[in-house]
Every structure is written in C-alpha cells, then in structure tokens.
Amino acid sequence: MLLTGIGGGFGQQSFFQLWSGELFPTLLRSTAQGLMFAVVRIGLGFWSLFVPTLIKSGFSTLAWLLTGFVVFSGLVGFIFAPRNQGKTLDEIQRERRGLEPGPRTAPVPRTS
C-alpha cells in the first residue's frame, strides 16, 4: 500500500490529467485529455507484447524495468511540470498565451 501511494503520486496518469487540465485552454482540455488517454493505452498495449518475454528472463528484470519507468516518470514531472502554485486559472491561461498578467487577487478561503 505504501509503495502504491508513493508511486501513484508520480505515475503517468496523474501527470497527463494534470497537464491537460492546466496547460490547455478550456475549450481544448477534454480533447487533450482524451488524446493522452489514447496515447497511453496504445503504448500500454504495445508494451504488453513484450511482458511475457521479460518475465521469461526473470521477474526481477521486469520489476527493475518498471521501477526505472516510475522513477523516470517522476523525474520528468518534477523537472518539466509547470510551477503554478498560488496562481489562479486566469493567470495561468494568460501566462500560457503570452499576455500581460491581470490584477492579482487574494485567494478566497475555503469554507466547509
């Protein structure tokens, strides 16, 4: 459970869902997310063709390869993910379009 919780934090699904939500204009978000789902599922299907061969060479090989993929994924996200903490969606969109940032407003506190 612990490894699943840690690995799920920087698995590819989290990344492409986050990036498609933050990096694309509102009108294109669902298309971007659908495209990413398609790319990932096609890639997974292709990868699945090689899994039986890797298991024949030993489960340890497959386990280390998958661990390497998760670490690589985490590094890609950590290095290349946009730093949008504290920005409003409007500020993010303006920044992506290369427009002047609008007036900054204080975040609205959440009420439960």
PDB file of N, CA and C in Angstrom:
ATOM      1  N   MET A   1       0.823  -1.190   0.000  1.00  0.00           N
ATOM      2  CA  MET A   1       0.000   0.000   0.000  1.00  0.00           C
ATOM      3  C   MET A   1       0.872   1.261   0.000  1.00  0.00           C
ATOM      4  N   LEU A   2       1.926   1.219   0.771  1.00  0.00           N
ATOM      5  CA  LEU A   2       2.813   2.378   0.847  1.00  0.00           C
ATOM      6  C   LEU A   2       3.455   2.672  -0.511  1.00  0.00           C
ATOM      7  N   LEU A   3       3.962   1.625  -1.168  1.00  0.00           N
ATOM      8  CA  LEU A   3       4.593   1.819  -2.482  1.00  0.00           C
ATOM      9  C   LEU A   3       3.580   2.287  -3.523  1.00  0.00           C
ATOM     10  N   THR A   4       2.354   1.781  -3.444  1.00  0.00           N
ATOM     11  CA  THR A   4       1.310   2.228  -4.371  1.00  0.00           C
ATOM     12  C   THR A   4       1.014   3.708  -4.150  1.00  0.00           C
ATOM     13  N   GLY A   5       0.935   4.116  -2.916  1.00  0.00           N
ATOM     14  CA  GLY A   5       0.686   5.530  -2.613  1.00  0.00           C
ATOM     15  C   GLY A   5       1.800   6.427  -3.097  1.00  0.00           C
ATOM     16  N   ILE A   6       3.019   5.976  -2.921  1.00  0.00           N
ATOM     17  CA  ILE A   6       4.162   6.781  -3.376  1.00  0.00           C
ATOM     18  C   ILE A   6       4.224   6.794  -4.902  1.00  0.00           C
ATOM     19  N   GLY A   7       4.123   5.614  -5.523  1.00  0.00           N
ATOM     20  CA  GLY A   7       4.215   5.519  -6.982  1.00  0.00           C
ATOM     21  C   GLY A   7       3.063   6.207  -7.685  1.00  0.00           C
ATOM     22  N   GLY A   8       1.866   6.166  -7.109  1.00  0.00           N
ATOM     23  CA  GLY A   8       0.704   6.803  -7.723  1.00  0.00           C
ATOM     24  C   GLY A   8       0.831   8.307  -7.797  1.00  0.00           C
ATOM     25  N   GLY A   9       1.640   8.866  -6.920  1.00  0.00           N
ATOM     26  CA  GLY A   9       1.827  10.316  -6.909  1.00  0.00           C
ATOM     27  C   GLY A   9       2.570  10.830  -8.115  1.00  0.00           C
ATOM     28  N   PHE A  10       3.421   9.997  -8.711  1.00  0.00           N
ATOM     29  CA  PHE A  10       4.121  10.447  -9.912  1.00  0.00           C
ATOM     30  C   PHE A  10       4.022   9.434 -11.039  1.00  0.00           C
ATOM     31  N   GLY A  11       2.894   8.758 -11.090  1.00  0.00           N
ATOM     32  CA  GLY A  11       2.593   7.900 -12.231  1.00  0.00           C
ATOM     33  C   GLY A  11       2.125   8.746 -13.407  1.00  0.00           C
ATOM     34  N   GLN A  12       2.164   8.203 -14.588  1.00  0.00           N
ATOM     35  CA  GLN A  12       1.825   8.976 -15.788  1.00  0.00           C
ATOM     36  C   GLN A  12       0.390   9.481 -15.803  1.00  0.00           C
ATOM     37  N   GLN A  13      -0.552   8.712 -15.297  1.00  0.00           N
ATOM     38  CA  GLN A  13      -1.942   9.158 -15.357  1.00  0.00           C
ATOM     39  C   GLN A  13      -2.123  10.464 -14.607  1.00  0.00           C
ATOM     40  N   SER A  14      -1.508  10.572 -13.439  1.00  0.00           N
ATOM     41  CA  SER A  14      -1.605  11.827 -12.686  1.00  0.00           C
ATOM     42  C   SER A  14      -1.048  12.988 -13.489  1.00  0.00           C
ATOM     43  N   PHE A  15       0.081  12.746 -14.167  1.00  0.00           N
ATOM     44  CA  PHE A  15       0.703  13.815 -14.934  1.00  0.00           C
ATOM     45  C   PHE A  15      -0.149  14.267 -16.111  1.00  0.00           C
ATOM     46  N   PHE A  16      -0.589  13.321 -16.948  1.00  0.00           N
ATOM     47  CA  PHE A  16      -1.302  13.791 -18.131  1.00  0.00           C
ATOM     48  C   PHE A  16      -2.674  14.344 -17.781  1.00  0.00           C
ATOM     49  N   GLN A  17      -3.266  13.927 -16.691  1.00  0.00           N
ATOM     50  CA  GLN A  17      -4.526  14.543 -16.279  1.00  0.00           C
ATOM     51  C   GLN A  17      -4.273  15.955 -15.775  1.00  0.00           C
ATOM     52  N   LEU A  18      -3.207  16.143 -15.024  1.00  0.00           N
ATOM     53  CA  LEU A  18      -2.879  17.467 -14.508  1.00  0.00           C
ATOM     54  C   LEU A  18      -2.482  18.403 -15.645  1.00  0.00           C
ATOM     55  N   TRP A  19      -1.602  17.951 -16.517  1.00  0.00           N
ATOM     56  CA  TRP A  19      -1.116  18.807 -17.590  1.00  0.00           C
ATOM     57  C   TRP A  19      -2.224  19.179 -18.564  1.00  0.00           C
ATOM     58  N   SER A  20      -3.080  18.232 -18.892  1.00  0.00           N
ATOM     59  CA  SER A  20      -4.149  18.580 -19.829  1.00  0.00           C
ATOM     60  C   SER A  20      -5.114  19.564 -19.188  1.00  0.00           C
ATOM     61  N   GLY A  21      -5.238  19.516 -17.879  1.00  0.00           N
ATOM     62  CA  GLY A  21      -6.114  20.469 -17.195  1.00  0.00           C
ATOM     63  C   GLY A  21      -5.500  21.847 -17.055  1.00  0.00           C
ATOM     64  N   GLU A  22      -4.184  21.923 -16.928  1.00  0.00           N
ATOM     65  CA  GLU A  22      -3.547  23.209 -16.685  1.00  0.00           C
ATOM     66  C   GLU A  22      -2.953  23.856 -17.932  1.00  0.00           C
ATOM     67  N   LEU A  23      -2.513  23.076 -18.869  1.00  0.00           N
ATOM     68  CA  LEU A  23      -1.752  23.635 -19.980  1.00  0.00           C
ATOM     69  C   LEU A  23      -2.563  23.955 -21.220  1.00  0.00           C
ATOM     70  N   PHE A  24      -3.792  23.487 -21.273  1.00  0.00           N
ATOM     71  CA  PHE A  24      -4.582  23.707 -22.469  1.00  0.00           C
ATOM     72  C   PHE A  24      -5.738  24.652 -22.179  1.00  0.00           C
ATOM     73  N   PRO A  25      -6.115  25.471 -23.153  1.00  0.00           N
ATOM     74  CA  PRO A  25      -7.280  26.341 -22.969  1.00  0.00           C
ATOM     75  C   PRO A  25      -8.526  25.505 -22.676  1.00  0.00           C
ATOM     76  N   THR A  26      -9.469  26.109 -22.023  1.00  0.00           N
ATOM     77  CA  THR A  26     -10.671  25.412 -21.584  1.00  0.00           C
ATOM     78  C   THR A  26     -11.348  24.642 -22.707  1.00  0.00           C
ATOM     79  N   LEU A  27     -11.437  25.223 -23.890  1.00  0.00           N
ATOM     80  CA  LEU A  27     -12.135  24.569 -24.999  1.00  0.00           C
ATOM     81  C   LEU A  27     -11.419  23.316 -25.511  1.00  0.00           C
ATOM     82  N   LEU A  28     -10.129  23.179 -25.216  1.00  0.00           N
ATOM     83  CA  LEU A  28      -9.365  22.042 -25.720  1.00  0.00           C
ATOM     84  C   LEU A  28      -9.043  21.001 -24.654  1.00  0.00           C
ATOM     85  N   ARG A  29      -9.400  21.259 -23.410  1.00  0.00           N
ATOM     86  CA  ARG A  29      -8.987  20.371 -22.318  1.00  0.00           C
ATOM     87  C   ARG A  29      -9.451  18.947 -22.481  1.00  0.00           C
ATOM     88  N   SER A  30     -10.705  18.739 -22.773  1.00  0.00           N
ATOM     89  CA  SER A  30     -11.203  17.361 -22.871  1.00  0.00           C
ATOM     90  C   SER A  30     -10.583  16.646 -24.073  1.00  0.00           C
ATOM     91  N   THR A  31     -10.330  17.372 -25.153  1.00  0.00           N
ATOM     92  CA  THR A  31      -9.679  16.769 -26.322  1.00  0.00           C
ATOM     93  C   THR A  31      -8.249  16.370 -25.970  1.00  0.00           C
ATOM     94  N   ALA A  32      -7.530  17.242 -25.277  1.00  0.00           N
ATOM     95  CA  ALA A  32      -6.154  16.939 -24.883  1.00  0.00           C
ATOM     96  C   ALA A  32      -6.115  15.736 -23.949  1.00  0.00           C
ATOM     97  N   GLN A  33      -7.028  15.695 -23.005  1.00  0.00           N
ATOM     98  CA  GLN A  33      -7.049  14.584 -22.069  1.00  0.00           C
ATOM     99  C   GLN A  33      -7.414  13.277 -22.785  1.00  0.00           C
ATOM    100  N   GLY A  34      -8.367  13.316 -23.696  1.00  0.00           N
ATOM    101  CA  GLY A  34      -8.737  12.132 -24.459  1.00  0.00           C
ATOM    102  C   GLY A  34      -7.591  11.641 -25.325  1.00  0.00           C
ATOM    103  N   LEU A  35      -6.863  12.566 -25.941  1.00  0.00           N
ATOM    104  CA  LEU A  35      -5.708  12.193 -26.750  1.00  0.00           C
ATOM    105  C   LEU A  35      -4.644  11.516 -25.893  1.00  0.00           C
ATOM    106  N   MET A  36      -4.400  12.062 -24.716  1.00  0.00           N
ATOM    107  CA  MET A  36      -3.403  11.462 -23.833  1.00  0.00           C
ATOM    108  C   MET A  36      -3.836  10.078 -23.369  1.00  0.00           C
ATOM    109  N   PHE A  37      -5.119   9.893 -23.064  1.00  0.00           N
ATOM    110  CA  PHE A  37      -5.606   8.565 -22.701  1.00  0.00           C
ATOM    111  C   PHE A  37      -5.352   7.590 -23.847  1.00  0.00           C
ATOM    112  N   ALA A  38      -5.628   8.011 -25.076  1.00  0.00           N
ATOM    113  CA  ALA A  38      -5.426   7.142 -26.241  1.00  0.00           C
ATOM    114  C   ALA A  38      -3.959   6.784 -26.412  1.00  0.00           C
ATOM    115  N   VAL A  39      -3.074   7.761 -26.312  1.00  0.00           N
ATOM    116  CA  VAL A  39      -1.640   7.512 -26.471  1.00  0.00           C
ATOM    117  C   VAL A  39      -1.145   6.537 -25.403  1.00  0.00           C
ATOM    118  N   VAL A  40      -1.565   6.762 -24.168  1.00  0.00           N
ATOM    119  CA  VAL A  40      -1.122   5.891 -23.075  1.00  0.00           C
ATOM    120  C   VAL A  40      -1.646   4.475 -23.255  1.00  0.00           C
ATOM    121  N   ARG A  41      -2.888   4.329 -23.633  1.00  0.00           N
ATOM    122  CA  ARG A  41      -3.460   2.981 -23.777  1.00  0.00           C
ATOM    123  C   ARG A  41      -2.860   2.235 -24.970  1.00  0.00           C
ATOM    124  N   ILE A  42      -2.579   2.935 -26.051  1.00  0.00           N
ATOM    125  CA  ILE A  42      -1.925   2.298 -27.199  1.00  0.00           C
ATOM    126  C   ILE A  42      -0.508   1.887 -26.810  1.00  0.00           C
ATOM    127  N   GLY A  43       0.186   2.770 -26.096  1.00  0.00           N
ATOM    128  CA  GLY A  43       1.531   2.441 -25.618  1.00  0.00           C
ATOM    129  C   GLY A  43       1.528   1.248 -24.680  1.00  0.00           C
ATOM    130  N   LEU A  44       0.535   1.189 -23.801  1.00  0.00           N
ATOM    131  CA  LEU A  44       0.423   0.059 -22.884  1.00  0.00           C
ATOM    132  C   LEU A  44       0.155  -1.241 -23.645  1.00  0.00           C
ATOM    133  N   GLY A  45      -0.667  -1.170 -24.673  1.00  0.00           N
ATOM    134  CA  GLY A  45      -0.924  -2.353 -25.491  1.00  0.00           C
ATOM    135  C   GLY A  45       0.342  -2.842 -26.177  1.00  0.00           C
ATOM    136  N   PHE A  46       1.127  -1.912 -26.689  1.00  0.00           N
ATOM    137  CA  PHE A  46       2.392  -2.269 -27.339  1.00  0.00           C
ATOM    138  C   PHE A  46       3.352  -2.882 -26.327  1.00  0.00           C
ATOM    139  N   TRP A  47       3.462  -2.252 -25.152  1.00  0.00           N
ATOM    140  CA  TRP A  47       4.330  -2.735 -24.080  1.00  0.00           C
ATOM    141  C   TRP A  47       3.930  -4.143 -23.654  1.00  0.00           C
ATOM    142  N   SER A  48       2.631  -4.426 -23.612  1.00  0.00           N
ATOM    143  CA  SER A  48       2.133  -5.727 -23.166  1.00  0.00           C
ATOM    144  C   SER A  48       2.618  -6.876 -24.053  1.00  0.00           C
ATOM    145  N   LEU A  49       2.980  -6.574 -25.293  1.00  0.00           N
ATOM    146  CA  LEU A  49       3.508  -7.608 -26.175  1.00  0.00           C
ATOM    147  C   LEU A  49       4.868  -8.132 -25.691  1.00  0.00           C
ATOM    148  N   PHE A  50       5.617  -7.299 -24.963  1.00  0.00           N
ATOM    149  CA  PHE A  50       6.961  -7.666 -24.533  1.00  0.00           C
ATOM    150  C   PHE A  50       7.027  -8.224 -23.116  1.00  0.00           C
ATOM    151  N   VAL A  51       5.975  -8.070 -22.343  1.00  0.00           N
ATOM    152  CA  VAL A  51       5.985  -8.511 -20.948  1.00  0.00           C
ATOM    153  C   VAL A  51       6.247 -10.013 -20.809  1.00  0.00           C
ATOM    154  N   PRO A  52       5.595 -10.882 -21.595  1.00  0.00           N
ATOM    155  CA  PRO A  52       5.890 -12.327 -21.439  1.00  0.00           C
ATOM    156  C   PRO A  52       7.362 -12.668 -21.665  1.00  0.00           C
ATOM    157  N   THR A  53       7.994 -12.020 -22.614  1.00  0.00           N
ATOM    158  CA  THR A  53       9.412 -12.269 -22.884  1.00  0.00           C
ATOM    159  C   THR A  53      10.259 -11.810 -21.704  1.00  0.00           C
ATOM    160  N   LEU A  54       9.925 -10.666 -21.132  1.00  0.00           N
ATOM    161  CA  LEU A  54      10.676 -10.158 -19.990  1.00  0.00           C
ATOM    162  C   LEU A  54      10.507 -11.051 -18.765  1.00  0.00           C
ATOM    163  N   ILE A  55       9.318 -11.591 -18.561  1.00  0.00           N
ATOM    164  CA  ILE A  55       9.083 -12.471 -17.419  1.00  0.00           C
ATOM    165  C   ILE A  55       9.886 -13.768 -17.575  1.00  0.00           C
ATOM    166  N   LYS A  56      10.034 -14.257 -18.804  1.00  0.00           N
ATOM    167  CA  LYS A  56      10.829 -15.467 -19.032  1.00  0.00           C
ATOM    168  C   LYS A  56      12.287 -15.260 -18.619  1.00  0.00           C
ATOM    169  N   SER A  57      12.774 -14.037 -18.777  1.00  0.00           N
ATOM    170  CA  SER A  57      14.166 -13.758 -18.387  1.00  0.00           C
ATOM    171  C   SER A  57      14.291 -13.502 -16.890  1.00  0.00           C
ATOM    172  N   GLY A  58      13.185 -13.541 -16.190  1.00  0.00           N
ATOM    173  CA  GLY A  58      13.211 -13.365 -14.734  1.00  0.00           C
ATOM    174  C   GLY A  58      12.340 -12.198 -14.318  1.00  0.00           C
ATOM    175  N   PHE A  59      11.578 -12.437 -13.268  1.00  0.00           N
ATOM    176  CA  PHE A  59      10.686 -11.382 -12.791  1.00  0.00           C
ATOM    177  C   PHE A  59      11.465 -10.169 -12.298  1.00  0.00           C
ATOM    178  N   SER A  60      12.649 -10.397 -11.786  1.00  0.00           N
ATOM    179  CA  SER A  60      13.479  -9.294 -11.278  1.00  0.00           C
ATOM    180  C   SER A  60      13.774  -8.278 -12.383  1.00  0.00           C
ATOM    181  N   THR A  61      14.040  -8.765 -13.582  1.00  0.00           N
ATOM    182  CA  THR A  61      14.297  -7.870 -14.717  1.00  0.00           C
ATOM    183  C   THR A  61      13.098  -6.974 -14.980  1.00  0.00           C
ATOM    184  N   LEU A  62      11.920  -7.568 -15.014  1.00  0.00           N
ATOM    185  CA  LEU A  62      10.694  -6.803 -15.243  1.00  0.00           C
ATOM    186  C   LEU A  62      10.459  -5.807 -14.115  1.00  0.00           C
ATOM    187  N   ALA A  63      10.646  -6.240 -12.881  1.00  0.00           N
ATOM    188  CA  ALA A  63      10.425  -5.360 -11.728  1.00  0.00           C
ATOM    189  C   ALA A  63      11.362  -4.152 -11.768  1.00  0.00           C
ATOM    190  N   TRP A  64      12.639  -4.381 -12.070  1.00  0.00           N
ATOM    191  CA  TRP A  64      13.585  -3.264 -12.144  1.00  0.00           C
ATOM    192  C   TRP A  64      13.279  -2.336 -13.318  1.00  0.00           C
ATOM    193  N   LEU A  65      12.845  -2.891 -14.415  1.00  0.00           N
ATOM    194  CA  LEU A  65      12.481  -2.070 -15.571  1.00  0.00           C
ATOM    195  C   LEU A  65      11.273  -1.182 -15.253  1.00  0.00           C
ATOM    196  N   LEU A  66      10.260  -1.771 -14.626  1.00  0.00           N
ATOM    197  CA  LEU A  66       9.077  -0.985 -14.250  1.00  0.00           C
ATOM    198  C   LEU A  66       9.429   0.080 -13.205  1.00  0.00           C
ATOM    199  N   THR A  67      10.293  -0.273 -12.257  1.00  0.00           N
ATOM    200  CA  THR A  67      10.742   0.710 -11.262  1.00  0.00           C
ATOM    201  C   THR A  67      11.473   1.857 -11.945  1.00  0.00           C
ATOM    202  N   GLY A  68      12.300   1.528 -12.920  1.00  0.00           N
ATOM    203  CA  GLY A  68      13.004   2.567 -13.678  1.00  0.00           C
ATOM    204  C   GLY A  68      12.042   3.488 -14.417  1.00  0.00           C
ATOM    205  N   PHE A  69      10.979   2.922 -14.987  1.00  0.00           N
ATOM    206  CA  PHE A  69       9.971   3.744 -15.666  1.00  0.00           C
ATOM    207  C   PHE A  69       9.297   4.707 -14.693  1.00  0.00           C
ATOM    208  N   VAL A  70       8.972   4.223 -13.496  1.00  0.00           N
ATOM    209  CA  VAL A  70       8.307   5.078 -12.500  1.00  0.00           C
ATOM    210  C   VAL A  70       9.246   6.204 -12.052  1.00  0.00           C
ATOM    211  N   VAL A  71      10.510   5.868 -11.816  1.00  0.00           N
ATOM    212  CA  VAL A  71      11.484   6.894 -11.412  1.00  0.00           C
ATOM    213  C   VAL A  71      11.673   7.911 -12.537  1.00  0.00           C
ATOM    214  N   PHE A  72      11.810   7.441 -13.769  1.00  0.00           N
ATOM    215  CA  PHE A  72      11.956   8.347 -14.917  1.00  0.00           C
ATOM    216  C   PHE A  72      10.735   9.260 -15.029  1.00  0.00           C
ATOM    217  N   SER A  73       9.558   8.704 -14.869  1.00  0.00           N
ATOM    218  CA  SER A  73       8.323   9.480 -14.933  1.00  0.00           C
ATOM    219  C   SER A  73       8.307  10.556 -13.854  1.00  0.00           C
ATOM    220  N   GLY A  74       8.721  10.176 -12.654  1.00  0.00           N
ATOM    221  CA  GLY A  74       8.777  11.150 -11.562  1.00  0.00           C
ATOM    222  C   GLY A  74       9.742  12.280 -11.849  1.00  0.00           C
ATOM    223  N   LEU A  75      10.902  11.940 -12.412  1.00  0.00           N
ATOM    224  CA  LEU A  75      11.888  12.973 -12.747  1.00  0.00           C
ATOM    225  C   LEU A  75      11.378  13.918 -13.838  1.00  0.00           C
ATOM    226  N   VAL A  76      10.742  13.357 -14.860  1.00  0.00           N
ATOM    227  CA  VAL A  76      10.190  14.191 -15.935  1.00  0.00           C
ATOM    228  C   VAL A  76       9.176  15.169 -15.368  1.00  0.00           C
ATOM    229  N   GLY A  77       8.281  14.673 -14.535  1.00  0.00           N
ATOM    230  CA  GLY A  77       7.272  15.548 -13.936  1.00  0.00           C
ATOM    231  C   GLY A  77       7.879  16.583 -13.016  1.00  0.00           C
ATOM    232  N   PHE A  78       8.841  16.178 -12.212  1.00  0.00           N
ATOM    233  CA  PHE A  78       9.472  17.108 -11.272  1.00  0.00           C
ATOM    234  C   PHE A  78      10.237  18.207 -11.999  1.00  0.00           C
ATOM    235  N   ILE A  79      10.918  17.845 -13.067  1.00  0.00           N
ATOM    236  CA  ILE A  79      11.742  18.826 -13.791  1.00  0.00           C
ATOM    237  C   ILE A  79      10.910  19.705 -14.725  1.00  0.00           C
ATOM    238  N   PHE A  80       9.956  19.114 -15.448  1.00  0.00           N
ATOM    239  CA  PHE A  80       9.276  19.845 -16.511  1.00  0.00           C
ATOM    240  C   PHE A  80       7.864  20.325 -16.183  1.00  0.00           C
ATOM    241  N   ALA A  81       7.291  19.888 -15.083  1.00  0.00           N
ATOM    242  CA  ALA A  81       5.929  20.329 -14.744  1.00  0.00           C
ATOM    243  C   ALA A  81       5.937  21.821 -14.456  1.00  0.00           C
ATOM    244  N   PRO A  82       4.900  22.527 -14.885  1.00  0.00           N
ATOM    245  CA  PRO A  82       4.846  23.968 -14.641  1.00  0.00           C
ATOM    246  C   PRO A  82       4.703  24.273 -13.152  1.00  0.00           C
ATOM    247  N   ARG A  83       5.253  25.386 -12.735  1.00  0.00           N
ATOM    248  CA  ARG A  83       5.157  25.819 -11.340  1.00  0.00           C
ATOM    249  C   ARG A  83       4.017  26.840 -11.244  1.00  0.00           C
ATOM    250  N   ASN A  84       2.850  26.352 -10.913  1.00  0.00           N
ATOM    251  CA  ASN A  84       1.662  27.202 -10.896  1.00  0.00           C
ATOM    252  C   ASN A  84       1.072  27.390  -9.504  1.00  0.00           C
ATOM    253  N   GLN A  85       1.840  27.078  -8.467  1.00  0.00           N
ATOM    254  CA  GLN A  85       1.323  27.213  -7.122  1.00  0.00           C
ATOM    255  C   GLN A  85       0.913  28.656  -6.849  1.00  0.00           C
ATOM    256  N   GLY A  86      -0.282  28.809  -6.302  1.00  0.00           N
ATOM    257  CA  GLY A  86      -0.763  30.125  -5.908  1.00  0.00           C
ATOM    258  C   GLY A  86      -1.318  30.972  -7.037  1.00  0.00           C
ATOM    259  N   LYS A  87      -1.334  30.467  -8.269  1.00  0.00           N
ATOM    260  CA  LYS A  87      -1.860  31.238  -9.394  1.00  0.00           C
ATOM    261  C   LYS A  87      -3.307  30.844  -9.652  1.00  0.00           C
ATOM    262  N   THR A  88      -4.081  31.790 -10.092  1.00  0.00           N
ATOM    263  CA  THR A  88      -5.455  31.489 -10.487  1.00  0.00           C
ATOM    264  C   THR A  88      -5.442  30.903 -11.891  1.00  0.00           C
ATOM    265  N   LEU A  89      -6.534  30.252 -12.272  1.00  0.00           N
ATOM    266  CA  LEU A  89      -6.633  29.684 -13.618  1.00  0.00           C
ATOM    267  C   LEU A  89      -6.512  30.781 -14.669  1.00  0.00           C
ATOM    268  N   ASP A  90      -7.071  31.949 -14.402  1.00  0.00           N
ATOM    269  CA  ASP A  90      -6.966  33.072 -15.336  1.00  0.00           C
ATOM    270  C   ASP A  90      -5.507  33.488 -15.522  1.00  0.00           C
ATOM    271  N   GLU A  91      -4.753  33.542 -14.435  1.00  0.00           N
ATOM    272  CA  GLU A  91      -3.336  33.909 -14.533  1.00  0.00           C
ATOM    273  C   GLU A  91      -2.548  32.870 -15.338  1.00  0.00           C
ATOM    274  N   ILE A  92      -2.846  31.610 -15.115  1.00  0.00           N
ATOM    275  CA  ILE A  92      -2.160  30.546 -15.850  1.00  0.00           C
ATOM    276  C   ILE A  92      -2.462  30.642 -17.337  1.00  0.00           C
ATOM    277  N   GLN A  93      -3.731  30.846 -17.687  1.00  0.00           N
ATOM    278  CA  GLN A  93      -4.103  30.944 -19.093  1.00  0.00           C
ATOM    279  C   GLN A  93      -3.474  32.159 -19.747  1.00  0.00           C
ATOM    280  N   ARG A  94      -3.468  33.282 -19.065  1.00  0.00           N
ATOM    281  CA  ARG A  94      -2.852  34.493 -19.624  1.00  0.00           C
ATOM    282  C   ARG A  94      -1.347  34.268 -19.848  1.00  0.00           C
ATOM    283  N   GLU A  95      -0.711  33.628 -18.883  1.00  0.00           N
ATOM    284  CA  GLU A  95       0.717  33.356 -18.994  1.00  0.00           C
ATOM    285  C   GLU A  95       1.005  32.436 -20.180  1.00  0.00           C
ATOM    286  N   ARG A  96       0.204  31.410 -20.388  1.00  0.00           N
ATOM    287  CA  ARG A  96       0.401  30.473 -21.490  1.00  0.00           C
ATOM    288  C   ARG A  96       0.176  31.139 -22.839  1.00  0.00           C
ATOM    289  N   ARG A  97      -0.709  32.124 -22.876  1.00  0.00           N
ATOM    290  CA  ARG A  97      -0.983  32.832 -24.131  1.00  0.00           C
ATOM    291  C   ARG A  97      -0.004  33.972 -24.377  1.00  0.00           C
ATOM    292  N   GLY A  98       0.843  34.255 -23.389  1.00  0.00           N
ATOM    293  CA  GLY A  98       1.819  35.324 -23.538  1.00  0.00           C
ATOM    294  C   GLY A  98       1.234  36.703 -23.326  1.00  0.00           C
ATOM    295  N   LEU A  99       0.130  36.776 -22.586  1.00  0.00           N
ATOM    296  CA  LEU A  99      -0.500  38.065 -22.308  1.00  0.00           C
ATOM    297  C   LEU A  99       0.002  38.625 -20.988  1.00  0.00           C
ATOM    298  N   GLU A 100      -0.226  39.906 -20.795  1.00  0.00           N
ATOM    299  CA  GLU A 100       0.118  40.547 -19.526  1.00  0.00           C
ATOM    300  C   GLU A 100      -0.705  39.905 -18.414  1.00  0.00           C
ATOM    301  N   PRO A 101      -0.113  39.664 -17.257  1.00  0.00           N
ATOM    302  CA  PRO A 101      -0.917  39.129 -16.162  1.00  0.00           C
ATOM    303  C   PRO A 101      -1.938  40.146 -15.686  1.00  0.00           C
ATOM    304  N   GLY A 102      -3.115  39.665 -15.344  1.00  0.00           N
ATOM    305  CA  GLY A 102      -4.169  40.528 -14.837  1.00  0.00           C
ATOM    306  C   GLY A 102      -3.895  40.910 -13.398  1.00  0.00           C
ATOM    307  N   PRO A 103      -4.765  41.713 -12.811  1.00  0.00           N
ATOM    308  CA  PRO A 103      -4.560  42.090 -11.417  1.00  0.00           C
ATOM    309  C   PRO A 103      -4.639  40.854 -10.519  1.00  0.00           C
ATOM    310  N   ARG A 104      -3.741  40.771  -9.599  1.00  0.00           N
ATOM    311  CA  ARG A 104      -3.689  39.616  -8.690  1.00  0.00           C
ATOM    312  C   ARG A 104      -4.651  39.838  -7.532  1.00  0.00           C
ATOM    313  N   THR A 105      -5.478  38.843  -7.314  1.00  0.00           N
ATOM    314  CA  THR A 105      -6.419  38.918  -6.202  1.00  0.00           C
ATOM    315  C   THR A 105      -6.072  37.886  -5.166  1.00  0.00           C
ATOM    316  N   ALA A 106      -6.440  38.146  -3.957  1.00  0.00           N
ATOM    317  CA  ALA A 106      -6.179  37.200  -2.882  1.00  0.00           C
ATOM    318  C   ALA A 106      -7.080  35.990  -3.054  1.00  0.00           C
ATOM    319  N   PRO A 107      -6.550  34.799  -2.756  1.00  0.00           N
ATOM    320  CA  PRO A 107      -7.396  33.597  -2.877  1.00  0.00           C
ATOM    321  C   PRO A 107      -8.554  33.635  -1.886  1.00  0.00           C
ATOM    322  N   VAL A 108      -9.662  33.089  -2.329  1.00  0.00           N
ATOM    323  CA  VAL A 108     -10.856  33.039  -1.484  1.00  0.00           C
ATOM    324  C   VAL A 108     -10.703  31.863  -0.527  1.00  0.00           C
ATOM    325  N   PRO A 109     -10.831  32.090   0.794  1.00  0.00           N
ATOM    326  CA  PRO A 109     -10.697  30.973   1.733  1.00  0.00           C
ATOM    327  C   PRO A 109     -11.830  29.964   1.550  1.00  0.00           C
ATOM    328  N   ARG A 110     -11.494  28.696   1.724  1.00  0.00           N
ATOM    329  CA  ARG A 110     -12.491  27.635   1.626  1.00  0.00           C
ATOM    330  C   ARG A 110     -13.284  27.554   2.905  1.00  0.00           C
ATOM    331  N   THR A 111     -14.553  27.292   2.750  1.00  0.00           N
ATOM    332  CA  THR A 111     -15.404  27.069   3.914  1.00  0.00           C
ATOM    333  C   THR A 111     -15.958  25.666   3.824  1.00  0.00           C
ATOM    334  N   SER A 112     -16.044  24.994   4.936  1.00  0.00           N
ATOM    335  CA  SER A 112     -16.535  23.622   4.924  1.00  0.00           C
ATOM    336  C   SER A 112     -18.007  23.575   5.252  1.00  0.00           C
TER     337      SER A 112
END
